C-alpha atoms as a PDB file:
ATOM      1  CA  MET A   1      33.658-128.337  42.873  1.00  0.00           C
ATOM      2  CA  GLU A   2      32.134-129.718  46.029  1.00  0.00           C
ATOM      3  CA  ILE A   3      29.448-127.667  47.786  1.00  0.00           C
ATOM      4  CA  LEU A   4      29.517-127.980  51.565  1.00  0.00           C
ATOM      5  CA  GLU A   5      26.522-127.370  53.766  1.00  0.00           C
ATOM      6  CA  TYR A   6      26.677-126.558  57.462  1.00  0.00           C
ATOM      7  CA  LYS A   7      23.972-126.738  60.087  1.00  0.00           C
ATOM      8  CA  THR A   8      25.606-124.087  62.271  1.00  0.00           C
ATOM      9  CA  THR A   9      28.103-121.280  61.982  1.00  0.00           C
ATOM     10  CA  GLY A  10      30.198-123.105  64.587  1.00  0.00           C
ATOM     11  CA  GLU A  11      30.582-126.113  62.287  1.00  0.00           C
ATOM     12  CA  PHE A  12      31.628-123.803  59.460  1.00  0.00           C
ATOM     13  CA  LEU A  13      34.215-122.021  61.633  1.00  0.00           C
ATOM     14  CA  THR A  14      35.582-125.339  62.909  1.00  0.00           C
ATOM     15  CA  ASP A  15      36.148-126.496  59.332  1.00  0.00           C
ATOM     16  CA  ILE A  16      37.838-123.199  58.436  1.00  0.00           C
ATOM     17  CA  ARG A  17      40.192-123.508  61.424  1.00  0.00           C
ATOM     18  CA  LYS A  18      41.014-127.106  60.506  1.00  0.00           C
ATOM     19  CA  GLU A  19      41.723-126.149  56.909  1.00  0.00           C
ATOM     20  CA  PHE A  20      43.654-122.931  57.457  1.00  0.00           C
ATOM     21  CA  GLY A  21      44.793-123.135  61.069  1.00  0.00           C
ATOM     22  CA  GLY A  22      43.834-120.878  63.949  1.00  0.00           C
ATOM     23  CA  GLY A  23      46.784-118.575  63.502  1.00  0.00           C
ATOM     24  CA  ASP A  24      49.652-118.248  65.876  1.00  0.00           C
ATOM     25  CA  LYS A  25      47.883-117.355  69.111  1.00  0.00           C
ATOM     26  CA  GLU A  26      51.102-116.688  70.999  1.00  0.00           C
ATOM     27  CA  ALA A  27      52.341-114.269  68.320  1.00  0.00           C
ATOM     28  CA  THR A  28      48.975-112.519  68.395  1.00  0.00           C
ATOM     29  CA  LYS A  29      49.191-112.110  72.163  1.00  0.00           C
ATOM     30  CA  ILE A  30      52.754-110.778  71.930  1.00  0.00           C
ATOM     31  CA  ALA A  31      51.618-108.254  69.335  1.00  0.00           C
ATOM     32  CA  LYS A  32      48.804-107.198  71.664  1.00  0.00           C
ATOM     33  CA  LEU A  33      51.300-106.786  74.501  1.00  0.00           C
ATOM     34  CA  ARG A  34      53.472-104.588  72.298  1.00  0.00           C
ATOM     35  CA  ARG A  35      50.516-102.352  71.424  1.00  0.00           C
ATOM     36  CA  LEU A  36      49.612-101.670  75.051  1.00  0.00           C
ATOM     37  CA  GLU A  37      50.271 -98.186  76.367  1.00  0.00           C
ATOM     38  CA  GLN A  38      49.548 -96.786  79.792  1.00  0.00           C
ATOM     39  CA  GLY A  39      48.475 -93.449  78.381  1.00  0.00           C
ATOM     40  CA  GLU A  40      46.058 -91.735  80.753  1.00  0.00           C
ATOM     41  CA  LYS A  41      45.261 -94.914  82.740  1.00  0.00           C
ATOM     42  CA  MET A  42      46.128 -95.121  86.399  1.00  0.00           C
ATOM     43  CA  ILE A  43      49.117 -97.397  86.891  1.00  0.00           C
ATOM     44  CA  GLU A  44      47.039 -99.953  88.830  1.00  0.00           C
ATOM     45  CA  GLU A  45      44.666-100.327  85.889  1.00  0.00           C
ATOM     46  CA  PHE A  46      47.576-100.557  83.450  1.00  0.00           C
ATOM     47  CA  VAL A  47      49.381-103.169  85.580  1.00  0.00           C
ATOM     48  CA  GLN A  48      46.237-105.331  85.695  1.00  0.00           C
ATOM     49  CA  GLU A  49      45.797-105.108  81.928  1.00  0.00           C
ATOM     50  CA  PHE A  50      49.495-105.728  81.293  1.00  0.00           C
ATOM     51  CA  ARG A  51      49.504-108.767  83.616  1.00  0.00           C
ATOM     52  CA  ARG A  52      46.533-110.297  81.820  1.00  0.00           C
ATOM     53  CA  VAL A  53      47.968-109.818  78.345  1.00  0.00           C
ATOM     54  CA  ALA A  54      51.462-110.902  79.472  1.00  0.00           C
ATOM     55  CA  ARG A  55      50.088-114.158  80.892  1.00  0.00           C
ATOM     56  CA  GLU A  56      48.454-114.936  77.580  1.00  0.00           C
ATOM     57  CA  SER A  57      51.611-114.033  75.618  1.00  0.00           C
ATOM     58  CA  ARG A  58      53.874-116.361  77.616  1.00  0.00           C
ATOM     59  CA  TYR A  59      56.501-113.632  77.773  1.00  0.00           C
ATOM     60  CA  GLU A  60      58.612-113.872  80.915  1.00  0.00           C
ATOM     61  CA  GLY A  61      61.824-112.774  82.561  1.00  0.00           C
ATOM     62  CA  ARG A  62      63.866-109.848  81.288  1.00  0.00           C
ATOM     63  CA  PRO A  63      61.981-109.459  77.969  1.00  0.00           C
ATOM     64  CA  LEU A  64      58.746-109.015  79.922  1.00  0.00           C
ATOM     65  CA  VAL A  65      60.329-106.393  82.208  1.00  0.00           C
ATOM     66  CA  GLU A  66      61.656-104.486  79.190  1.00  0.00           C
ATOM     67  CA  GLU A  67      58.248-104.565  77.497  1.00  0.00           C
ATOM     68  CA  PHE A  68      56.583-103.302  80.685  1.00  0.00           C
ATOM     69  CA  LYS A  69      59.063-100.442  80.982  1.00  0.00           C
ATOM     70  CA  ARG A  70      58.462 -99.392  77.361  1.00  0.00           C
ATOM     71  CA  ARG A  71      54.690 -99.402  77.770  1.00  0.00           C
ATOM     72  CA  MET A  72      54.379 -97.434  81.020  1.00  0.00           C
ATOM     73  CA  ASN A  73      54.166 -93.690  81.515  1.00  0.00           C
ATOM     74  CA  ARG A  74      57.640 -92.202  81.048  1.00  0.00           C
ATOM     75  CA  VAL A  75      57.459 -90.185  84.283  1.00  0.00           C
ATOM     76  CA  ILE A  76      56.815 -93.303  86.353  1.00  0.00           C
ATOM     77  CA  ARG A  77      59.413 -95.235  84.345  1.00  0.00           C
ATOM     78  CA  ARG A  78      62.035 -92.550  85.010  1.00  0.00           C
ATOM     79  CA  LYS A  79      61.325 -92.607  88.768  1.00  0.00           C
ATOM     80  CA  LEU A  80      61.636 -96.384  88.880  1.00  0.00           C
ATOM     81  CA  ILE A  81      64.854 -96.411  86.891  1.00  0.00           C
ATOM     82  CA  GLU A  82      66.349 -93.757  89.174  1.00  0.00           C
ATOM     83  CA  ALA A  83      65.282 -95.599  92.336  1.00  0.00           C
ATOM     84  CA  LYS A  84      68.080 -96.640  94.676  1.00  0.00           C
ATOM     85  CA  ARG A  85      66.846-100.221  94.724  1.00  0.00           C
ATOM     86  CA  LEU A  86      67.586-102.292  91.628  1.00  0.00           C
ATOM     87  CA  LEU A  87      64.364-103.842  90.324  1.00  0.00           C
ATOM     88  CA  THR A  88      64.998-107.195  88.691  1.00  0.00           C
ATOM     89  CA  SER A  89      61.684-109.067  88.532  1.00  0.00           C
ATOM     90  CA  ILE A  90      58.437-108.102  86.853  1.00  0.00           C
ATOM     91  CA  GLU A  91      56.659-108.416  90.205  1.00  0.00           C
ATOM     92  CA  GLN A  92      59.027-105.801  91.692  1.00  0.00           C
ATOM     93  CA  TRP A  93      58.290-103.492  88.762  1.00  0.00           C
ATOM     94  CA  TYR A  94      54.530-103.956  89.201  1.00  0.00           C
ATOM     95  CA  GLU A  95      54.709-103.345  92.944  1.00  0.00           C
ATOM     96  CA  HIS A  96      56.964-100.284  92.811  1.00  0.00           C
ATOM     97  CA  ALA A  97      55.110 -98.734  89.874  1.00  0.00           C
ATOM     98  CA  THR A  98      51.820 -99.104  91.742  1.00  0.00           C
ATOM     99  CA  ASN A  99      53.328 -97.516  94.860  1.00  0.00           C
ATOM    100  CA  LEU A 100      54.545 -94.465  92.897  1.00  0.00           C
ATOM    101  CA  ASP A 101      51.253 -93.567  91.265  1.00  0.00           C
END
């Protein structure tokens, strides 16, 4: 059995990542996106957080819109769904959600 010595923790962690991989970062970000909830946060704060996590997850298009709708406050979601204007892009959802709160 070979004993390895490291000068720094960084060297040790680099070797671990090389040996075992860094994990699937995109899957981790998607999981983080799916755990987000608006809860008691103001919609502006939630939109900012959701945008940041969504960017890192590489989610886009309709799946991103659906995830956003599931994660927001149900009262705001209901108002947006019942709106006369059909919202199709995530940017429209962000904008209209922010205007309702």
